[in-house]
PDB file of N, CA and C in Angstrom:
ATOM      1  N   MET A   1      14.482 -16.427  14.815  1.00  0.00           N
ATOM      2  CA  MET A   1      13.548 -16.149  13.743  1.00  0.00           C
ATOM      3  C   MET A   1      13.987 -16.931  12.499  1.00  0.00           C
ATOM      4  N   ASP A   2      13.079 -17.717  11.941  1.00  0.00           N
ATOM      5  CA  ASP A   2      13.430 -18.479  10.742  1.00  0.00           C
ATOM      6  C   ASP A   2      13.400 -17.581   9.495  1.00  0.00           C
ATOM      7  N   ARG A   3      13.843 -18.127   8.371  1.00  0.00           N
ATOM      8  CA  ARG A   3      13.960 -17.342   7.138  1.00  0.00           C
ATOM      9  C   ARG A   3      12.625 -16.804   6.644  1.00  0.00           C
ATOM     10  N   LYS A   4      11.579 -17.590   6.768  1.00  0.00           N
ATOM     11  CA  LYS A   4      10.267 -17.138   6.299  1.00  0.00           C
ATOM     12  C   LYS A   4       9.808 -15.914   7.082  1.00  0.00           C
ATOM     13  N   HIS A   5       9.938 -15.959   8.391  1.00  0.00           N
ATOM     14  CA  HIS A   5       9.525 -14.822   9.216  1.00  0.00           C
ATOM     15  C   HIS A   5      10.416 -13.611   8.976  1.00  0.00           C
ATOM     16  N   LEU A   6      11.691 -13.848   8.728  1.00  0.00           N
ATOM     17  CA  LEU A   6      12.601 -12.752   8.419  1.00  0.00           C
ATOM     18  C   LEU A   6      12.234 -12.115   7.076  1.00  0.00           C
ATOM     19  N   ALA A   7      11.898 -12.933   6.085  1.00  0.00           N
ATOM     20  CA  ALA A   7      11.460 -12.414   4.786  1.00  0.00           C
ATOM     21  C   ALA A   7      10.182 -11.601   4.927  1.00  0.00           C
ATOM     22  N   ILE A   8       9.223 -12.116   5.692  1.00  0.00           N
ATOM     23  CA  ILE A   8       7.977 -11.391   5.939  1.00  0.00           C
ATOM     24  C   ILE A   8       8.280 -10.050   6.603  1.00  0.00           C
ATOM     25  N   PHE A   9       9.172 -10.053   7.573  1.00  0.00           N
ATOM     26  CA  PHE A   9       9.538  -8.817   8.269  1.00  0.00           C
ATOM     27  C   PHE A   9      10.111  -7.781   7.292  1.00  0.00           C
ATOM     28  N   PHE A  10      11.053  -8.196   6.449  1.00  0.00           N
ATOM     29  CA  PHE A  10      11.678  -7.262   5.513  1.00  0.00           C
ATOM     30  C   PHE A  10      10.681  -6.732   4.483  1.00  0.00           C
ATOM     31  N   ILE A  11       9.821  -7.591   3.986  1.00  0.00           N
ATOM     32  CA  ILE A  11       8.819  -7.127   3.023  1.00  0.00           C
ATOM     33  C   ILE A  11       7.845  -6.166   3.698  1.00  0.00           C
ATOM     34  N   ARG A  12       7.420  -6.498   4.919  1.00  0.00           N
ATOM     35  CA  ARG A  12       6.514  -5.614   5.671  1.00  0.00           C
ATOM     36  C   ARG A  12       7.116  -4.228   5.845  1.00  0.00           C
ATOM     37  N   ILE A  13       8.374  -4.164   6.276  1.00  0.00           N
ATOM     38  CA  ILE A  13       9.016  -2.878   6.535  1.00  0.00           C
ATOM     39  C   ILE A  13       9.207  -2.102   5.231  1.00  0.00           C
ATOM     40  N   GLY A  14       9.600  -2.797   4.171  1.00  0.00           N
ATOM     41  CA  GLY A  14       9.761  -2.143   2.873  1.00  0.00           C
ATOM     42  C   GLY A  14       8.461  -1.556   2.359  1.00  0.00           C
ATOM     43  N   LEU A  15       7.394  -2.330   2.439  1.00  0.00           N
ATOM     44  CA  LEU A  15       6.094  -1.831   2.001  1.00  0.00           C
ATOM     45  C   LEU A  15       5.584  -0.719   2.912  1.00  0.00           C
ATOM     46  N   ALA A  16       5.794  -0.863   4.202  1.00  0.00           N
ATOM     47  CA  ALA A  16       5.367   0.180   5.134  1.00  0.00           C
ATOM     48  C   ALA A  16       6.039   1.503   4.794  1.00  0.00           C
ATOM     49  N   PHE A  17       7.313   1.448   4.466  1.00  0.00           N
ATOM     50  CA  PHE A  17       8.035   2.671   4.094  1.00  0.00           C
ATOM     51  C   PHE A  17       7.390   3.329   2.877  1.00  0.00           C
ATOM     52  N   VAL A  18       7.073   2.536   1.869  1.00  0.00           N
ATOM     53  CA  VAL A  18       6.466   3.073   0.644  1.00  0.00           C
ATOM     54  C   VAL A  18       5.138   3.756   0.960  1.00  0.00           C
ATOM     55  N   PHE A  19       4.285   3.090   1.719  1.00  0.00           N
ATOM     56  CA  PHE A  19       2.972   3.649   2.005  1.00  0.00           C
ATOM     57  C   PHE A  19       3.052   4.860   2.931  1.00  0.00           C
ATOM     58  N   LEU A  20       3.909   4.808   3.925  1.00  0.00           N
ATOM     59  CA  LEU A  20       4.064   5.968   4.808  1.00  0.00           C
ATOM     60  C   LEU A  20       4.661   7.157   4.062  1.00  0.00           C
ATOM     61  N   TYR A  21       5.657   6.902   3.225  1.00  0.00           N
ATOM     62  CA  TYR A  21       6.278   7.979   2.452  1.00  0.00           C
ATOM     63  C   TYR A  21       5.248   8.650   1.546  1.00  0.00           C
ATOM     64  N   ALA A  22       4.463   7.844   0.838  1.00  0.00           N
ATOM     65  CA  ALA A  22       3.452   8.394  -0.062  1.00  0.00           C
ATOM     66  C   ALA A  22       2.392   9.171   0.719  1.00  0.00           C
ATOM     67  N   GLY A  23       1.888   8.583   1.787  1.00  0.00           N
ATOM     68  CA  GLY A  23       0.847   9.248   2.573  1.00  0.00           C
ATOM     69  C   GLY A  23       1.310  10.569   3.159  1.00  0.00           C
ATOM     70  N   ILE A  24       2.490  10.570   3.742  1.00  0.00           N
ATOM     71  CA  ILE A  24       3.027  11.805   4.321  1.00  0.00           C
ATOM     72  C   ILE A  24       3.359  12.807   3.219  1.00  0.00           C
ATOM     73  N   GLY A  25       3.890  12.315   2.098  1.00  0.00           N
ATOM     74  CA  GLY A  25       4.197  13.190   0.973  1.00  0.00           C
ATOM     75  C   GLY A  25       2.963  13.877   0.420  1.00  0.00           C
ATOM     76  N   ILE A  26       1.875  13.143   0.325  1.00  0.00           N
ATOM     77  CA  ILE A  26       0.621  13.722  -0.161  1.00  0.00           C
ATOM     78  C   ILE A  26       0.135  14.811   0.786  1.00  0.00           C
ATOM     79  N   ILE A  27       0.186  14.542   2.071  1.00  0.00           N
ATOM     80  CA  ILE A  27      -0.299  15.528   3.045  1.00  0.00           C
ATOM     81  C   ILE A  27       0.580  16.776   3.077  1.00  0.00           C
ATOM     82  N   THR A  28       1.881  16.594   2.996  1.00  0.00           N
ATOM     83  CA  THR A  28       2.785  17.745   3.104  1.00  0.00           C
ATOM     84  C   THR A  28       2.944  18.523   1.801  1.00  0.00           C
ATOM     85  N   ASN A  29       2.720  17.868   0.649  1.00  0.00           N
ATOM     86  CA  ASN A  29       2.876  18.552  -0.634  1.00  0.00           C
ATOM     87  C   ASN A  29       1.868  17.997  -1.643  1.00  0.00           C
ATOM     88  N   PRO A  30       0.576  18.273  -1.442  1.00  0.00           N
ATOM     89  CA  PRO A  30      -0.457  17.668  -2.293  1.00  0.00           C
ATOM     90  C   PRO A  30      -0.346  18.056  -3.770  1.00  0.00           C
ATOM     91  N   ASP A  31       0.172  19.236  -4.052  1.00  0.00           N
ATOM     92  CA  ASP A  31       0.250  19.666  -5.447  1.00  0.00           C
ATOM     93  C   ASP A  31       1.195  18.804  -6.281  1.00  0.00           C
ATOM     94  N   SER A  32       2.153  18.170  -5.644  1.00  0.00           N
ATOM     95  CA  SER A  32       3.054  17.267  -6.363  1.00  0.00           C
ATOM     96  C   SER A  32       2.383  15.950  -6.724  1.00  0.00           C
ATOM     97  N   TRP A  33       1.276  15.647  -6.077  1.00  0.00           N
ATOM     98  CA  TRP A  33       0.607  14.363  -6.264  1.00  0.00           C
ATOM     99  C   TRP A  33      -0.727  14.496  -6.988  1.00  0.00           C
ATOM    100  N   ILE A  34      -1.239  15.711  -7.126  1.00  0.00           N
ATOM    101  CA  ILE A  34      -2.585  15.925  -7.666  1.00  0.00           C
ATOM    102  C   ILE A  34      -2.734  15.388  -9.089  1.00  0.00           C
ATOM    103  N   GLY A  35      -1.639  15.357  -9.846  1.00  0.00           N
ATOM    104  CA  GLY A  35      -1.690  14.861 -11.217  1.00  0.00           C
ATOM    105  C   GLY A  35      -1.979  13.374 -11.332  1.00  0.00           C
ATOM    106  N   PHE A  36      -1.857  12.647 -10.240  1.00  0.00           N
ATOM    107  CA  PHE A  36      -2.102  11.205 -10.270  1.00  0.00           C
ATOM    108  C   PHE A  36      -3.567  10.850 -10.018  1.00  0.00           C
ATOM    109  N   VAL A  37      -4.361  11.853  -9.632  1.00  0.00           N
ATOM    110  CA  VAL A  37      -5.794  11.610  -9.435  1.00  0.00           C
ATOM    111  C   VAL A  37      -6.451  11.613 -10.813  1.00  0.00           C
ATOM    112  N   PRO A  38      -7.159  10.545 -11.161  1.00  0.00           N
ATOM    113  CA  PRO A  38      -7.794  10.481 -12.486  1.00  0.00           C
ATOM    114  C   PRO A  38      -8.757  11.650 -12.711  1.00  0.00           C
ATOM    115  N   LYS A  39      -8.742  12.191 -13.926  1.00  0.00           N
ATOM    116  CA  LYS A  39      -9.585  13.349 -14.274  1.00  0.00           C
ATOM    117  C   LYS A  39     -11.062  13.065 -14.063  1.00  0.00           C
ATOM    118  N   ILE A  40     -11.488  11.844 -14.293  1.00  0.00           N
ATOM    119  CA  ILE A  40     -12.898  11.492 -14.153  1.00  0.00           C
ATOM    120  C   ILE A  40     -13.395  11.704 -12.722  1.00  0.00           C
ATOM    121  N   VAL A  41     -12.487  11.582 -11.772  1.00  0.00           N
ATOM    122  CA  VAL A  41     -12.854  11.730 -10.364  1.00  0.00           C
ATOM    123  C   VAL A  41     -13.350  13.141 -10.070  1.00  0.00           C
ATOM    124  N   SER A  42     -12.771  14.135 -10.737  1.00  0.00           N
ATOM    125  CA  SER A  42     -13.141  15.531 -10.479  1.00  0.00           C
ATOM    126  C   SER A  42     -14.585  15.827 -10.867  1.00  0.00           C
ATOM    127  N   LYS A  43     -15.193  14.975 -11.661  1.00  0.00           N
ATOM    128  CA  LYS A  43     -16.603  15.155 -12.015  1.00  0.00           C
ATOM    129  C   LYS A  43     -17.525  14.803 -10.848  1.00  0.00           C
ATOM    130  N   PHE A  44     -17.015  13.980  -9.929  1.00  0.00           N
ATOM    131  CA  PHE A  44     -17.849  13.495  -8.839  1.00  0.00           C
ATOM    132  C   PHE A  44     -17.507  14.103  -7.482  1.00  0.00           C
ATOM    133  N   MET A  45     -16.235  14.448  -7.279  1.00  0.00           N
ATOM    134  CA  MET A  45     -15.831  15.016  -5.994  1.00  0.00           C
ATOM    135  C   MET A  45     -14.522  15.772  -6.156  1.00  0.00           C
ATOM    136  N   SER A  46     -14.186  16.506  -5.148  1.00  0.00           N
ATOM    137  CA  SER A  46     -12.952  17.280  -5.158  1.00  0.00           C
ATOM    138  C   SER A  46     -11.738  16.353  -5.246  1.00  0.00           C
ATOM    139  N   THR A  47     -10.802  16.706  -6.121  1.00  0.00           N
ATOM    140  CA  THR A  47      -9.597  15.886  -6.246  1.00  0.00           C
ATOM    141  C   THR A  47      -8.792  15.912  -4.952  1.00  0.00           C
ATOM    142  N   TYR A  48      -8.861  17.016  -4.217  1.00  0.00           N
ATOM    143  CA  TYR A  48      -8.135  17.085  -2.948  1.00  0.00           C
ATOM    144  C   TYR A  48      -8.745  16.163  -1.897  1.00  0.00           C
ATOM    145  N   VAL A  49     -10.063  16.007  -1.919  1.00  0.00           N
ATOM    146  CA  VAL A  49     -10.708  15.066  -0.992  1.00  0.00           C
ATOM    147  C   VAL A  49     -10.225  13.652  -1.298  1.00  0.00           C
ATOM    148  N   VAL A  50     -10.191  13.300  -2.571  1.00  0.00           N
ATOM    149  CA  VAL A  50      -9.715  11.976  -2.970  1.00  0.00           C
ATOM    150  C   VAL A  50      -8.254  11.806  -2.577  1.00  0.00           C
ATOM    151  N   LEU A  51      -7.459  12.821  -2.837  1.00  0.00           N
ATOM    152  CA  LEU A  51      -6.031  12.753  -2.550  1.00  0.00           C
ATOM    153  C   LEU A  51      -5.764  12.594  -1.057  1.00  0.00           C
ATOM    154  N   TYR A  52      -6.420  13.404  -0.229  1.00  0.00           N
ATOM    155  CA  TYR A  52      -6.209  13.303   1.219  1.00  0.00           C
ATOM    156  C   TYR A  52      -6.770  11.994   1.780  1.00  0.00           C
ATOM    157  N   SER A  53      -7.884  11.513   1.221  1.00  0.00           N
ATOM    158  CA  SER A  53      -8.423  10.219   1.648  1.00  0.00           C
ATOM    159  C   SER A  53      -7.436   9.104   1.326  1.00  0.00           C
ATOM    160  N   HIS A  54      -6.837   9.196   0.152  1.00  0.00           N
ATOM    161  CA  HIS A  54      -5.842   8.199  -0.245  1.00  0.00           C
ATOM    162  C   HIS A  54      -4.616   8.277   0.670  1.00  0.00           C
ATOM    163  N   ALA A  55      -4.222   9.483   1.036  1.00  0.00           N
ATOM    164  CA  ALA A  55      -3.077   9.650   1.941  1.00  0.00           C
ATOM    165  C   ALA A  55      -3.346   8.997   3.291  1.00  0.00           C
ATOM    166  N   ILE A  56      -4.547   9.199   3.806  1.00  0.00           N
ATOM    167  CA  ILE A  56      -4.911   8.602   5.099  1.00  0.00           C
ATOM    168  C   ILE A  56      -4.900   7.076   4.992  1.00  0.00           C
ATOM    169  N   LEU A  57      -5.440   6.548   3.884  1.00  0.00           N
ATOM    170  CA  LEU A  57      -5.414   5.098   3.667  1.00  0.00           C
ATOM    171  C   LEU A  57      -3.977   4.592   3.613  1.00  0.00           C
ATOM    172  N   ASP A  58      -3.114   5.295   2.893  1.00  0.00           N
ATOM    173  CA  ASP A  58      -1.708   4.885   2.801  1.00  0.00           C
ATOM    174  C   ASP A  58      -1.046   4.852   4.179  1.00  0.00           C
ATOM    175  N   ILE A  59      -1.301   5.861   4.973  1.00  0.00           N
ATOM    176  CA  ILE A  59      -0.695   5.920   6.313  1.00  0.00           C
ATOM    177  C   ILE A  59      -1.225   4.790   7.194  1.00  0.00           C
ATOM    178  N   ILE A  60      -2.517   4.539   7.117  1.00  0.00           N
ATOM    179  CA  ILE A  60      -3.099   3.436   7.894  1.00  0.00           C
ATOM    180  C   ILE A  60      -2.466   2.107   7.486  1.00  0.00           C
ATOM    181  N   LEU A  61      -2.324   1.891   6.175  1.00  0.00           N
ATOM    182  CA  LEU A  61      -1.721   0.641   5.700  1.00  0.00           C
ATOM    183  C   LEU A  61      -0.262   0.531   6.152  1.00  0.00           C
ATOM    184  N   GLY A  62       0.479   1.628   6.090  1.00  0.00           N
ATOM    185  CA  GLY A  62       1.874   1.612   6.532  1.00  0.00           C
ATOM    186  C   GLY A  62       2.004   1.272   8.003  1.00  0.00           C
ATOM    187  N   VAL A  63       1.174   1.894   8.820  1.00  0.00           N
ATOM    188  CA  VAL A  63       1.208   1.621  10.265  1.00  0.00           C
ATOM    189  C   VAL A  63       0.781   0.189  10.537  1.00  0.00           C
ATOM    190  N   TRP A  64      -0.236  -0.286   9.833  1.00  0.00           N
ATOM    191  CA  TRP A  64      -0.705  -1.668   9.999  1.00  0.00           C
ATOM    192  C   TRP A  64       0.414  -2.658   9.691  1.00  0.00           C
ATOM    193  N   LEU A  65       1.153  -2.396   8.607  1.00  0.00           N
ATOM    194  CA  LEU A  65       2.254  -3.286   8.253  1.00  0.00           C
ATOM    195  C   LEU A  65       3.345  -3.288   9.325  1.00  0.00           C
ATOM    196  N   ILE A  66       3.636  -2.143   9.876  1.00  0.00           N
ATOM    197  CA  ILE A  66       4.636  -2.076  10.955  1.00  0.00           C
ATOM    198  C   ILE A  66       4.130  -2.820  12.183  1.00  0.00           C
ATOM    199  N   TYR A  67       2.858  -2.632  12.504  1.00  0.00           N
ATOM    200  CA  TYR A  67       2.260  -3.303  13.656  1.00  0.00           C
ATOM    201  C   TYR A  67       2.387  -4.819  13.537  1.00  0.00           C
ATOM    202  N   GLY A  68       2.167  -5.352  12.348  1.00  0.00           N
ATOM    203  CA  GLY A  68       2.454  -6.750  12.090  1.00  0.00           C
ATOM    204  C   GLY A  68       1.379  -7.756  12.445  1.00  0.00           C
ATOM    205  N   LYS A  69       0.206  -7.330  12.764  1.00  0.00           N
ATOM    206  CA  LYS A  69      -0.886  -8.276  13.055  1.00  0.00           C
ATOM    207  C   LYS A  69      -1.813  -8.374  11.846  1.00  0.00           C
ATOM    208  N   ARG A  70      -2.257  -9.581  11.570  1.00  0.00           N
ATOM    209  CA  ARG A  70      -3.152  -9.834  10.446  1.00  0.00           C
ATOM    210  C   ARG A  70      -2.582  -9.255   9.142  1.00  0.00           C
ATOM    211  N   VAL A  71      -1.323  -9.550   8.914  1.00  0.00           N
ATOM    212  CA  VAL A  71      -0.573  -9.023   7.773  1.00  0.00           C
ATOM    213  C   VAL A  71      -1.182  -9.466   6.450  1.00  0.00           C
ATOM    214  N   PHE A  72      -1.764 -10.644   6.415  1.00  0.00           N
ATOM    215  CA  PHE A  72      -2.387 -11.113   5.179  1.00  0.00           C
ATOM    216  C   PHE A  72      -3.437 -10.112   4.698  1.00  0.00           C
ATOM    217  N   TYR A  73      -4.287  -9.648   5.607  1.00  0.00           N
ATOM    218  CA  TYR A  73      -5.350  -8.715   5.230  1.00  0.00           C
ATOM    219  C   TYR A  73      -4.781  -7.354   4.822  1.00  0.00           C
ATOM    220  N   ALA A  74      -3.755  -6.920   5.510  1.00  0.00           N
ATOM    221  CA  ALA A  74      -3.096  -5.666   5.134  1.00  0.00           C
ATOM    222  C   ALA A  74      -2.501  -5.783   3.740  1.00  0.00           C
ATOM    223  N   SER A  75      -1.887  -6.920   3.447  1.00  0.00           N
ATOM    224  CA  SER A  75      -1.266  -7.092   2.128  1.00  0.00           C
ATOM    225  C   SER A  75      -2.315  -7.135   1.020  1.00  0.00           C
ATOM    226  N   ILE A  76      -3.472  -7.693   1.292  1.00  0.00           N
ATOM    227  CA  ILE A  76      -4.553  -7.705   0.296  1.00  0.00           C
ATOM    228  C   ILE A  76      -5.012  -6.284   0.018  1.00  0.00           C
ATOM    229  N   LEU A  77      -5.201  -5.481   1.064  1.00  0.00           N
ATOM    230  CA  LEU A  77      -5.609  -4.084   0.864  1.00  0.00           C
ATOM    231  C   LEU A  77      -4.520  -3.281   0.153  1.00  0.00           C
ATOM    232  N   CYS A  78      -3.275  -3.536   0.495  1.00  0.00           N
ATOM    233  CA  CYS A  78      -2.160  -2.871  -0.199  1.00  0.00           C
ATOM    234  C   CYS A  78      -2.171  -3.238  -1.680  1.00  0.00           C
ATOM    235  N   SER A  79      -2.392  -4.503  -1.978  1.00  0.00           N
ATOM    236  CA  SER A  79      -2.416  -4.961  -3.364  1.00  0.00           C
ATOM    237  C   SER A  79      -3.556  -4.311  -4.144  1.00  0.00           C
ATOM    238  N   LEU A  80      -4.731  -4.232  -3.547  1.00  0.00           N
ATOM    239  CA  LEU A  80      -5.863  -3.591  -4.214  1.00  0.00           C
ATOM    240  C   LEU A  80      -5.598  -2.108  -4.432  1.00  0.00           C
ATOM    241  N   ASN A  81      -5.003  -1.470  -3.448  1.00  0.00           N
ATOM    242  CA  ASN A  81      -4.639  -0.060  -3.553  1.00  0.00           C
ATOM    243  C   ASN A  81      -3.683   0.150  -4.725  1.00  0.00           C
ATOM    244  N   LEU A  82      -2.644  -0.651  -4.782  1.00  0.00           N
ATOM    245  CA  LEU A  82      -1.658  -0.526  -5.850  1.00  0.00           C
ATOM    246  C   LEU A  82      -2.246  -0.878  -7.212  1.00  0.00           C
ATOM    247  N   LEU A  83      -3.096  -1.887  -7.262  1.00  0.00           N
ATOM    248  CA  LEU A  83      -3.728  -2.265  -8.514  1.00  0.00           C
ATOM    249  C   LEU A  83      -4.572  -1.117  -9.059  1.00  0.00           C
ATOM    250  N   SER A  84      -5.294  -0.431  -8.176  1.00  0.00           N
ATOM    251  CA  SER A  84      -6.102   0.704  -8.631  1.00  0.00           C
ATOM    252  C   SER A  84      -5.219   1.835  -9.159  1.00  0.00           C
ATOM    253  N   ILE A  85      -4.084   2.069  -8.514  1.00  0.00           N
ATOM    254  CA  ILE A  85      -3.152   3.093  -8.997  1.00  0.00           C
ATOM    255  C   ILE A  85      -2.647   2.725 -10.391  1.00  0.00           C
ATOM    256  N   ILE A  86      -2.297   1.479 -10.574  1.00  0.00           N
ATOM    257  CA  ILE A  86      -1.780   1.019 -11.864  1.00  0.00           C
ATOM    258  C   ILE A  86      -2.845   1.138 -12.950  1.00  0.00           C
ATOM    259  N   ILE A  87      -4.054   0.717 -12.660  1.00  0.00           N
ATOM    260  CA  ILE A  87      -5.135   0.762 -13.654  1.00  0.00           C
ATOM    261  C   ILE A  87      -5.453   2.200 -14.043  1.00  0.00           C
ATOM    262  N   PHE A  88      -5.612   3.081 -13.049  1.00  0.00           N
ATOM    263  CA  PHE A  88      -6.020   4.456 -13.338  1.00  0.00           C
ATOM    264  C   PHE A  88      -4.899   5.314 -13.924  1.00  0.00           C
ATOM    265  N   ASN A  89      -3.671   4.848 -13.823  1.00  0.00           N
ATOM    266  CA  ASN A  89      -2.537   5.611 -14.359  1.00  0.00           C
ATOM    267  C   ASN A  89      -1.748   4.802 -15.390  1.00  0.00           C
ATOM    268  N   ALA A  90      -2.416   3.886 -16.061  1.00  0.00           N
ATOM    269  CA  ALA A  90      -1.740   2.991 -17.006  1.00  0.00           C
ATOM    270  C   ALA A  90      -1.007   3.749 -18.113  1.00  0.00           C
ATOM    271  N   GLY A  91      -1.452   4.932 -18.440  1.00  0.00           N
ATOM    272  CA  GLY A  91      -0.801   5.721 -19.479  1.00  0.00           C
ATOM    273  C   GLY A  91       0.524   6.315 -19.060  1.00  0.00           C
ATOM    274  N   SER A  92       0.853   6.238 -17.788  1.00  0.00           N
ATOM    275  CA  SER A  92       2.101   6.803 -17.261  1.00  0.00           C
ATOM    276  C   SER A  92       3.059   5.697 -16.856  1.00  0.00           C
ATOM    277  N   MET A  93       3.285   4.768 -17.743  1.00  0.00           N
ATOM    278  CA  MET A  93       4.107   3.597 -17.423  1.00  0.00           C
ATOM    279  C   MET A  93       5.515   3.984 -16.968  1.00  0.00           C
ATOM    280  N   ASP A  94       6.043   5.112 -17.476  1.00  0.00           N
ATOM    281  CA  ASP A  94       7.386   5.524 -17.072  1.00  0.00           C
ATOM    282  C   ASP A  94       7.450   5.920 -15.604  1.00  0.00           C
ATOM    283  N   ILE A  95       6.298   6.126 -14.987  1.00  0.00           N
ATOM    284  CA  ILE A  95       6.237   6.458 -13.562  1.00  0.00           C
ATOM    285  C   ILE A  95       5.746   5.265 -12.742  1.00  0.00           C
ATOM    286  N   ILE A  96       4.717   4.587 -13.229  1.00  0.00           N
ATOM    287  CA  ILE A  96       4.093   3.525 -12.418  1.00  0.00           C
ATOM    288  C   ILE A  96       4.775   2.165 -12.534  1.00  0.00           C
ATOM    289  N   PHE A  97       5.824   2.061 -13.317  1.00  0.00           N
ATOM    290  CA  PHE A  97       6.493   0.757 -13.420  1.00  0.00           C
ATOM    291  C   PHE A  97       6.965   0.293 -12.044  1.00  0.00           C
ATOM    292  N   ARG A  98       7.300   1.231 -11.175  1.00  0.00           N
ATOM    293  CA  ARG A  98       7.714   0.871  -9.807  1.00  0.00           C
ATOM    294  C   ARG A  98       6.552   0.272  -9.020  1.00  0.00           C
ATOM    295  N   ASP A  99       5.365   0.819  -9.259  1.00  0.00           N
ATOM    296  CA  ASP A  99       4.186   0.331  -8.544  1.00  0.00           C
ATOM    297  C   ASP A  99       3.888  -1.122  -8.877  1.00  0.00           C
ATOM    298  N   ILE A 100       4.241  -1.547 -10.072  1.00  0.00           N
ATOM    299  CA  ILE A 100       4.035  -2.949 -10.452  1.00  0.00           C
ATOM    300  C   ILE A 100       4.927  -3.849  -9.596  1.00  0.00           C
ATOM    301  N   SER A 101       6.178  -3.448  -9.399  1.00  0.00           N
ATOM    302  CA  SER A 101       7.079  -4.224  -8.530  1.00  0.00           C
ATOM    303  C   SER A 101       6.590  -4.221  -7.093  1.00  0.00           C
ATOM    304  N   ILE A 102       6.106  -3.086  -6.633  1.00  0.00           N
ATOM    305  CA  ILE A 102       5.589  -2.996  -5.265  1.00  0.00           C
ATOM    306  C   ILE A 102       4.342  -3.861  -5.127  1.00  0.00           C
ATOM    307  N   LEU A 103       3.492  -3.878  -6.155  1.00  0.00           N
ATOM    308  CA  LEU A 103       2.307  -4.740  -6.146  1.00  0.00           C
ATOM    309  C   LEU A 103       2.708  -6.201  -5.977  1.00  0.00           C
ATOM    310  N   PHE A 104       3.713  -6.639  -6.721  1.00  0.00           N
ATOM    311  CA  PHE A 104       4.130  -8.038  -6.614  1.00  0.00           C
ATOM    312  C   PHE A 104       4.771  -8.330  -5.253  1.00  0.00           C
ATOM    313  N   SER A 105       5.426  -7.348  -4.662  1.00  0.00           N
ATOM    314  CA  SER A 105       5.946  -7.529  -3.295  1.00  0.00           C
ATOM    315  C   SER A 105       4.798  -7.698  -2.313  1.00  0.00           C
ATOM    316  N   SER A 106       3.760  -6.915  -2.502  1.00  0.00           N
ATOM    317  CA  SER A 106       2.589  -7.015  -1.636  1.00  0.00           C
ATOM    318  C   SER A 106       1.893  -8.365  -1.795  1.00  0.00           C
ATOM    319  N   LEU A 107       1.805  -8.834  -3.028  1.00  0.00           N
ATOM    320  CA  LEU A 107       1.219 -10.160  -3.265  1.00  0.00           C
ATOM    321  C   LEU A 107       2.079 -11.258  -2.629  1.00  0.00           C
ATOM    322  N   ALA A 108       3.399 -11.114  -2.740  1.00  0.00           N
ATOM    323  CA  ALA A 108       4.298 -12.092  -2.107  1.00  0.00           C
ATOM    324  C   ALA A 108       4.101 -12.098  -0.593  1.00  0.00           C
ATOM    325  N   LEU A 109       3.943 -10.909  -0.016  1.00  0.00           N
ATOM    326  CA  LEU A 109       3.704 -10.829   1.430  1.00  0.00           C
ATOM    327  C   LEU A 109       2.406 -11.538   1.792  1.00  0.00           C
ATOM    328  N   GLY A 110       1.380 -11.354   0.968  1.00  0.00           N
ATOM    329  CA  GLY A 110       0.113 -12.040   1.218  1.00  0.00           C
ATOM    330  C   GLY A 110       0.263 -13.543   1.181  1.00  0.00           C
ATOM    331  N   ILE A 111       1.010 -14.037   0.203  1.00  0.00           N
ATOM    332  CA  ILE A 111       1.235 -15.477   0.081  1.00  0.00           C
ATOM    333  C   ILE A 111       2.026 -16.004   1.275  1.00  0.00           C
ATOM    334  N   LEU A 112       3.074 -15.299   1.638  1.00  0.00           N
ATOM    335  CA  LEU A 112       3.916 -15.755   2.759  1.00  0.00           C
ATOM    336  C   LEU A 112       3.200 -15.679   4.109  1.00  0.00           C
ATOM    337  N   SER A 113       2.309 -14.692   4.244  1.00  0.00           N
ATOM    338  CA  SER A 113       1.664 -14.500   5.549  1.00  0.00           C
ATOM    339  C   SER A 113       0.299 -15.165   5.641  1.00  0.00           C
ATOM    340  N   TYR A 114      -0.154 -15.813   4.576  1.00  0.00           N
ATOM    341  CA  TYR A 114      -1.449 -16.484   4.620  1.00  0.00           C
ATOM    342  C   TYR A 114      -1.463 -17.524   5.734  1.00  0.00           C
ATOM    343  N   GLY A 115      -2.462 -17.431   6.576  1.00  0.00           N
ATOM    344  CA  GLY A 115      -2.582 -18.382   7.679  1.00  0.00           C
ATOM    345  C   GLY A 115      -1.817 -17.974   8.927  1.00  0.00           C
ATOM    346  N   GLN A 116      -0.980 -16.954   8.828  1.00  0.00           N
ATOM    347  CA  GLN A 116      -0.195 -16.506   9.978  1.00  0.00           C
ATOM    348  C   GLN A 116      -1.078 -15.922  11.083  1.00  0.00           C
ATOM    349  N   ALA A 117      -2.186 -15.270  10.712  1.00  0.00           N
ATOM    350  CA  ALA A 117      -3.050 -14.640  11.717  1.00  0.00           C
ATOM    351  C   ALA A 117      -3.549 -15.670  12.712  1.00  0.00           C
ATOM    352  N   ASN A 118      -3.977 -16.821  12.216  1.00  0.00           N
ATOM    353  CA  ASN A 118      -4.471 -17.869  13.111  1.00  0.00           C
ATOM    354  C   ASN A 118      -3.344 -18.449  13.950  1.00  0.00           C
ATOM    355  N   LYS A 119      -2.155 -18.575  13.369  1.00  0.00           N
ATOM    356  CA  LYS A 119      -1.016 -19.108  14.098  1.00  0.00           C
ATOM    357  C   LYS A 119      -0.656 -18.202  15.271  1.00  0.00           C
ATOM    358  N   TYR A 120      -0.641 -16.880  15.008  1.00  0.00           N
ATOM    359  CA  TYR A 120      -0.313 -15.926  16.086  1.00  0.00           C
ATOM    360  C   TYR A 120      -1.405 -15.911  17.143  1.00  0.00           C
ATOM    361  N   LYS A 121      -2.633 -16.038  16.709  1.00  0.00           N
ATOM    362  CA  LYS A 121      -3.747 -15.998  17.632  1.00  0.00           C
ATOM    363  C   LYS A 121      -3.684 -17.156  18.639  1.00  0.00           C
ATOM    364  N   LYS A 122      -3.310 -18.345  18.176  1.00  0.00           N
ATOM    365  CA  LYS A 122      -3.245 -19.507  19.054  1.00  0.00           C
ATOM    366  C   LYS A 122      -2.105 -19.395  20.064  1.00  0.00           C
ATOM    367  N   SER A 123      -1.003 -18.735  19.658  1.00  0.00           N
ATOM    368  CA  SER A 123       0.150 -18.680  20.551  1.00  0.00           C
ATOM    369  C   SER A 123       0.065 -17.559  21.569  1.00  0.00           C
ATOM    370  N   GLU A 124      -0.871 -16.635  21.399  1.00  0.00           N
ATOM    371  CA  GLU A 124      -0.966 -15.506  22.339  1.00  0.00           C
ATOM    372  C   GLU A 124      -1.770 -15.867  23.574  1.00  0.00           C
TER     373      GLU A 124
END
């Protein structure tokens, strides 16, 4: 395995851990996470519906990253997910500063894995 593929592997596993941890954490202890749902959302739907939907998305993204196919697309969805968290919780910088680093890791994964889907497809 060359350095680029090893770097992609480590970033994938690191990001997968973050998304799986968050998704499982939300499902097992939603009250600890409910404060991160924007107040405006409660005007349109239940905050728990939003929270559990987000947990399912996080788990899907984590599993997708572990699976390792079409990683570019997974990294784009991870980046959009993280960007939305940052935007909607911008007032909590003391908490979301980590999400900014994770966002840039996800963007790096997208850059490194761009074009990899076609490469894997041809070799299979």
